[in-house]
Amino acid sequence: MNDVAHCMEILKRRIAADADDAASRYRLAVLLLDEYRRTDEKELLSHAREHLAHAVVVRPKDARSHAALGYTYDLTEGGAEPALASFREARRLNPQDREYDVYFLTLLELTGRQTEALAEIEAAAPRHNVNLDALRRALTAAGMPTDANSLLLNGFIHARNFFRSSLEDEAERTLNALEPSRARSEAAAERKRCAEDQQQLARTFDASRVPESLRALATWARRYGIGDDYCRRFLLRRLSNKQRTALTHEIDGHARAIQAWLDSFAGALMPPEAEAFMHLALGVEEIREPS
């Protein structure tokens, strides 16, 4: 039995002993969702939803369970309405969470509530340091619409991606909590893998293929523009606060030039350098949040 299966069995035994153990149901659902991400087996998604639906009844003030339940609905065809209801409640319970906030906005737009979505985006923009007037001007200049969908895609974090990454991190923490010895060996293996990814990027990255206006960022991209979500976050979070601030400032100052370069490929295969810049920009969004 592998580590994941063993940890699931531990949690199932706890639930069998106490059907209202909401914490164990939540943790089991997180592991099931992580396995679903890897296998796409619908039964795993269904079981995760069942555990989360029970958990929110037992522990109705737990924002995490409401959000995870909403995520299971969002992964299901026709599930946008119950997903919206779940994230509305999660945001009410924890209004400071950026992922819940933007996920809720995303679902408002998805379910056709344009007027409410635009009003909520206006209210949310200051919380997310988004200058909507400047964003609208930039979109108009680029010939793009300024509807709710476009504002969300171009001005805010990609809530689904960030929430999925958060669940992956939580699954890892759950496994490590239930199998303490695993944490040490996994951490060593991950550090080694991340160092290898960083070395591989350095070997393939050619700064001469980067537009001259972006060369100042080439060193950052060469070291931290890694495609692997875990390694990118791991390496960037090892930076000092001063380094993070400097990198964020540089990315923000070159954001339009980076986007223009990436857009120039118009769906064609990007060279390693462009991919590195894309991942670096994503990484900056990730490290804006406390580690």
Protein backbone atom coordinates (compact mmCIF):
# COMPACT_ATOMS: atom_id res chain seq x y z
CA MET A 1 0.00 0.00 0.00
CA ASN A 2 1.47 3.37 -1.01
CA ASP A 3 1.56 6.45 1.22
CA VAL A 4 -1.59 8.01 -0.23
CA ALA A 5 -3.66 4.82 0.11
CA HIS A 6 -2.35 4.30 3.65
CA CYS A 7 -3.26 7.85 4.69
CA MET A 8 -6.72 7.50 3.14
CA GLU A 9 -7.26 4.32 5.15
CA ILE A 10 -6.28 6.14 8.34
CA LEU A 11 -8.84 8.84 7.64
CA LYS A 12 -11.54 6.35 6.65
CA ARG A 13 -11.07 4.51 9.94
CA ARG A 14 -11.44 7.78 11.84
CA ILE A 15 -14.66 8.56 9.95
CA ALA A 16 -15.97 5.04 10.57
CA ALA A 17 -15.40 5.60 14.29
CA ASP A 18 -17.03 9.05 14.21
CA ALA A 19 -19.23 9.85 11.22
CA ASP A 20 -19.25 13.54 12.23
CA ASP A 21 -15.47 13.92 12.20
CA ALA A 22 -15.59 16.90 9.83
CA ALA A 23 -11.84 17.50 9.94
CA SER A 24 -11.08 13.96 8.75
CA ARG A 25 -13.76 14.19 6.06
CA TYR A 26 -12.21 17.42 4.80
CA ARG A 27 -8.70 15.98 4.76
CA LEU A 28 -9.86 12.82 3.00
CA ALA A 29 -11.69 14.91 0.41
CA VAL A 30 -8.50 16.90 -0.25
CA LEU A 31 -6.59 13.66 -0.88
CA LEU A 32 -9.39 12.38 -3.12
CA LEU A 33 -9.32 15.60 -5.13
CA ASP A 34 -5.57 15.35 -5.52
CA GLU A 35 -5.93 11.80 -6.82
CA TYR A 36 -8.73 12.95 -9.13
CA ARG A 37 -6.37 15.58 -10.53
CA ARG A 38 -3.91 12.82 -11.38
CA THR A 39 -6.35 10.17 -12.68
CA ASP A 40 -9.53 11.98 -13.79
CA GLU A 41 -11.61 9.19 -12.19
CA LYS A 42 -15.09 10.64 -11.64
CA GLU A 43 -15.77 8.37 -8.66
CA LEU A 44 -13.03 10.12 -6.69
CA LEU A 45 -14.66 13.49 -7.34
CA SER A 46 -18.04 12.13 -6.27
CA HIS A 47 -16.64 10.70 -3.02
CA ALA A 48 -14.86 13.98 -2.26
CA ARG A 49 -18.12 15.88 -2.71
CA GLU A 50 -19.98 13.50 -0.42
CA HIS A 51 -17.45 13.97 2.39
CA LEU A 52 -17.42 17.75 1.97
CA ALA A 53 -21.21 17.99 1.88
CA HIS A 54 -21.29 16.15 5.23
CA ALA A 55 -18.46 18.30 6.60
CA VAL A 56 -20.25 21.61 5.93
CA VAL A 57 -23.36 20.35 7.70
CA VAL A 58 -21.36 19.32 10.76
CA ARG A 59 -19.05 22.34 10.68
CA PRO A 60 -20.98 25.10 8.84
CA LYS A 61 -18.53 27.87 9.74
CA ASP A 62 -15.52 26.19 8.09
CA ALA A 63 -14.82 28.29 4.99
CA ARG A 64 -12.30 25.76 3.64
CA SER A 65 -14.90 23.01 3.41
CA HIS A 66 -17.42 25.26 1.67
CA ALA A 67 -14.77 26.35 -0.85
CA ALA A 68 -13.58 22.81 -1.54
CA LEU A 69 -17.20 21.69 -1.97
CA GLY A 70 -17.71 24.53 -4.45
CA TYR A 71 -14.62 23.41 -6.32
CA THR A 72 -16.03 19.89 -6.71
CA TYR A 73 -19.20 21.37 -8.21
CA ASP A 74 -17.17 23.60 -10.52
CA LEU A 75 -15.39 20.50 -11.85
CA THR A 76 -18.76 18.97 -12.72
CA GLU A 77 -20.72 19.82 -15.86
CA GLY A 78 -23.67 22.00 -14.93
CA GLY A 79 -22.33 22.63 -11.45
CA ALA A 80 -21.73 26.37 -11.71
CA GLU A 81 -24.78 27.38 -9.65
CA PRO A 82 -24.04 25.22 -6.57
CA ALA A 83 -20.35 26.15 -6.94
CA LEU A 84 -21.32 29.82 -6.77
CA ALA A 85 -23.44 29.23 -3.66
CA SER A 86 -20.56 27.43 -1.93
CA PHE A 87 -17.99 30.09 -2.76
CA ARG A 88 -20.41 32.85 -1.78
CA GLU A 89 -20.58 31.25 1.67
CA ALA A 90 -16.82 30.62 1.84
CA ARG A 91 -16.16 34.27 1.03
CA ARG A 92 -18.72 35.41 3.61
CA LEU A 93 -17.00 33.30 6.25
CA ASN A 94 -13.48 34.37 5.25
CA PRO A 95 -13.63 37.64 3.25
CA GLN A 96 -9.86 38.11 3.52
CA ASP A 97 -9.06 35.09 1.35
CA ARG A 98 -8.02 36.31 -2.11
CA GLU A 99 -8.72 32.99 -3.82
CA TYR A 100 -12.27 32.71 -2.47
CA ASP A 101 -12.88 36.33 -3.41
CA VAL A 102 -11.82 36.01 -7.05
CA TYR A 103 -13.27 32.53 -7.48
CA PHE A 104 -16.63 33.96 -6.41
CA LEU A 105 -16.28 36.79 -8.97
CA THR A 106 -15.35 34.25 -11.64
CA LEU A 107 -18.45 32.18 -10.94
CA LEU A 108 -20.68 35.25 -10.96
CA GLU A 109 -19.48 35.95 -14.49
CA LEU A 110 -19.73 32.31 -15.53
CA THR A 111 -23.37 32.07 -14.41
CA GLY A 112 -24.34 35.14 -16.42
CA ARG A 113 -24.71 37.59 -13.54
CA GLN A 114 -22.91 40.37 -15.42
CA THR A 115 -24.34 43.31 -13.49
CA GLU A 116 -23.54 41.78 -10.11
CA ALA A 117 -20.16 40.60 -11.35
CA LEU A 118 -19.15 44.07 -12.54
CA ALA A 119 -20.33 45.65 -9.28
CA GLU A 120 -18.38 43.10 -7.24
CA ILE A 121 -15.29 43.55 -9.42
CA GLU A 122 -15.44 47.31 -8.79
CA ALA A 123 -15.61 46.65 -5.04
CA ALA A 124 -12.87 43.98 -5.13
CA ALA A 125 -10.34 45.90 -7.25
CA PRO A 126 -8.88 47.96 -4.36
CA ARG A 127 -8.51 44.79 -2.27
CA HIS A 128 -6.42 43.24 -5.04
CA ASN A 129 -4.44 46.37 -5.96
CA VAL A 130 -6.07 46.48 -9.40
CA ASN A 131 -6.48 49.87 -11.09
CA LEU A 132 -9.64 49.24 -13.09
CA ASP A 133 -9.53 52.56 -14.95
CA ALA A 134 -6.00 51.86 -16.17
CA LEU A 135 -6.93 48.26 -16.99
CA ARG A 136 -9.95 49.34 -19.03
CA ARG A 137 -7.84 51.87 -20.95
CA ALA A 138 -5.22 49.21 -21.71
CA LEU A 139 -7.85 46.72 -22.87
CA THR A 140 -9.55 49.30 -25.05
CA ALA A 141 -6.21 50.30 -26.60
CA ALA A 142 -5.54 46.63 -27.38
CA GLY A 143 -8.96 46.26 -29.01
CA MET A 144 -10.18 43.90 -26.27
CA PRO A 145 -13.56 43.98 -24.52
CA THR A 146 -13.88 45.45 -21.04
CA ASP A 147 -16.56 43.05 -19.83
CA ALA A 148 -16.37 41.14 -16.54
CA ASN A 149 -14.63 38.15 -18.10
CA SER A 150 -11.89 40.25 -19.67
CA LEU A 151 -11.34 42.28 -16.51
CA LEU A 152 -10.99 39.10 -14.45
CA LEU A 153 -8.63 37.39 -16.90
CA ASN A 154 -6.36 40.41 -17.29
CA GLY A 155 -6.47 42.07 -13.87
CA PHE A 156 -6.88 39.40 -11.22
CA ILE A 157 -5.30 36.10 -10.22
CA HIS A 158 -6.53 33.01 -12.07
CA ALA A 159 -8.62 31.72 -9.18
CA ARG A 160 -9.11 28.16 -10.40
CA ASN A 161 -5.39 27.61 -10.91
CA PHE A 162 -4.49 29.11 -7.56
CA PHE A 163 -7.17 27.18 -5.71
CA ARG A 164 -6.05 23.91 -7.32
CA SER A 165 -2.46 24.65 -6.29
CA SER A 166 -3.61 25.40 -2.75
CA LEU A 167 -5.38 22.05 -2.58
CA GLU A 168 -2.24 20.31 -3.87
CA ASP A 169 -0.24 21.96 -1.10
CA GLU A 170 -2.84 20.95 1.45
CA ALA A 171 -2.81 17.35 0.24
CA GLU A 172 0.94 17.33 0.70
CA ARG A 173 0.64 18.72 4.23
CA THR A 174 -2.00 16.10 5.06
CA LEU A 175 0.19 13.26 3.85
CA ASN A 176 3.16 14.58 5.77
CA ALA A 177 1.10 15.01 8.95
CA LEU A 178 -0.16 11.44 8.77
CA GLU A 179 3.21 10.00 7.72
CA PRO A 180 5.87 12.12 9.53
CA SER A 181 8.82 10.15 8.17
CA ARG A 182 7.54 10.78 4.65
CA ALA A 183 7.92 14.54 5.10
CA ARG A 184 11.67 14.37 5.59
CA SER A 185 12.38 12.06 2.66
CA GLU A 186 9.93 13.90 0.39
CA ALA A 187 11.44 17.28 1.25
CA ALA A 188 14.95 16.09 0.41
CA ALA A 189 13.77 14.58 -2.88
CA GLU A 190 11.85 17.73 -3.82
CA ARG A 191 14.82 19.98 -3.09
CA LYS A 192 17.00 17.81 -5.30
CA ARG A 193 14.42 17.79 -8.09
CA CYS A 194 14.00 21.57 -7.95
CA ALA A 195 17.73 22.12 -8.14
CA GLU A 196 17.87 19.87 -11.20
CA ASP A 197 14.99 21.78 -12.84
CA GLN A 198 16.81 25.03 -12.18
CA GLN A 199 20.02 23.69 -13.70
CA GLN A 200 18.16 22.39 -16.77
CA LEU A 201 16.56 25.79 -17.37
CA ALA A 202 19.94 27.50 -17.06
CA ARG A 203 21.38 25.16 -19.72
CA THR A 204 18.62 25.83 -22.26
CA PHE A 205 18.08 29.55 -21.63
CA ASP A 206 19.72 31.89 -24.16
CA ALA A 207 19.44 35.56 -23.15
CA SER A 208 20.24 36.67 -26.70
CA ARG A 209 16.79 35.43 -27.75
CA VAL A 210 15.08 37.74 -25.24
CA PRO A 211 13.87 41.13 -26.56
CA GLU A 212 16.33 43.84 -25.62
CA SER A 213 13.69 45.71 -23.60
CA LEU A 214 13.38 42.66 -21.32
CA ARG A 215 17.04 41.71 -20.97
CA ALA A 216 17.18 43.23 -17.48
CA LEU A 217 14.87 40.42 -16.37
CA ALA A 218 16.71 37.63 -18.15
CA THR A 219 18.72 36.59 -15.09
CA TRP A 220 15.56 36.32 -13.01
CA ALA A 221 13.80 34.29 -15.72
CA ARG A 222 16.83 32.02 -16.18
CA ARG A 223 16.84 31.11 -12.49
CA TYR A 224 13.19 31.17 -11.47
CA GLY A 225 11.07 30.79 -14.63
CA ILE A 226 10.46 27.11 -13.92
CA GLY A 227 7.34 25.40 -15.23
CA ASP A 228 6.87 23.07 -12.27
CA ASP A 229 4.42 24.78 -9.88
CA TYR A 230 5.91 23.32 -6.71
CA CYS A 231 9.52 24.09 -7.58
CA ARG A 232 8.78 27.59 -8.78
CA ARG A 233 7.03 28.46 -5.52
CA PHE A 234 9.68 26.65 -3.45
CA LEU A 235 12.55 28.55 -5.06
CA LEU A 236 10.88 31.96 -5.10
CA ARG A 237 9.83 31.70 -1.48
CA ARG A 238 13.45 31.22 -0.51
CA LEU A 239 14.18 34.76 -1.70
CA SER A 240 14.61 37.48 0.89
CA ASN A 241 11.85 40.08 1.28
CA LYS A 242 14.11 42.62 -0.41
CA GLN A 243 14.66 40.31 -3.38
CA ARG A 244 10.94 39.57 -3.67
CA THR A 245 10.13 43.28 -3.65
CA ALA A 246 12.75 43.97 -6.33
CA LEU A 247 11.51 41.15 -8.55
CA THR A 248 7.87 42.17 -8.17
CA HIS A 249 8.75 45.77 -9.04
CA GLU A 250 10.64 44.67 -12.15
CA ILE A 251 7.85 42.38 -13.36
CA ASP A 252 5.18 45.03 -12.78
CA GLY A 253 7.27 47.60 -14.64
CA HIS A 254 7.66 45.30 -17.65
CA ALA A 255 4.25 43.61 -17.54
CA ARG A 256 2.93 45.05 -20.80
CA ALA A 257 6.17 44.33 -22.67
CA ILE A 258 6.20 40.74 -21.39
CA GLN A 259 2.58 40.21 -22.41
CA ALA A 260 3.20 41.70 -25.84
CA TRP A 261 6.15 39.34 -26.38
CA LEU A 262 4.15 36.31 -25.28
CA ASP A 263 1.19 37.36 -27.45
CA SER A 264 3.48 37.60 -30.47
CA PHE A 265 3.67 33.81 -30.63
CA ALA A 266 -0.11 33.63 -31.24
CA GLY A 267 -0.46 30.00 -30.23
CA ALA A 268 2.79 28.88 -31.83
CA LEU A 269 5.36 26.96 -29.80
CA MET A 270 7.17 29.32 -27.46
CA PRO A 271 10.95 29.16 -27.11
CA PRO A 272 12.28 28.23 -23.64
CA GLU A 273 13.04 31.87 -22.90
CA ALA A 274 9.44 33.01 -23.47
CA GLU A 275 8.10 30.12 -21.41
CA ALA A 276 10.47 31.08 -18.62
CA PHE A 277 9.18 34.67 -18.64
CA MET A 278 5.59 33.41 -18.59
CA HIS A 279 6.31 31.18 -15.59
CA LEU A 280 8.28 33.92 -13.84
CA ALA A 281 5.31 36.31 -14.14
CA LEU A 282 3.05 33.59 -12.72
CA GLY A 283 5.52 33.05 -9.90
CA VAL A 284 5.40 36.73 -8.97
CA GLU A 285 1.62 36.49 -8.63
CA GLU A 286 2.13 33.49 -6.33
CA ILE A 287 4.65 35.21 -4.04
CA ARG A 288 2.49 38.29 -3.58
CA GLU A 289 0.67 36.10 -1.07
CA PRO A 290 2.25 35.35 2.33
CA SER A 291 4.17 32.08 2.24
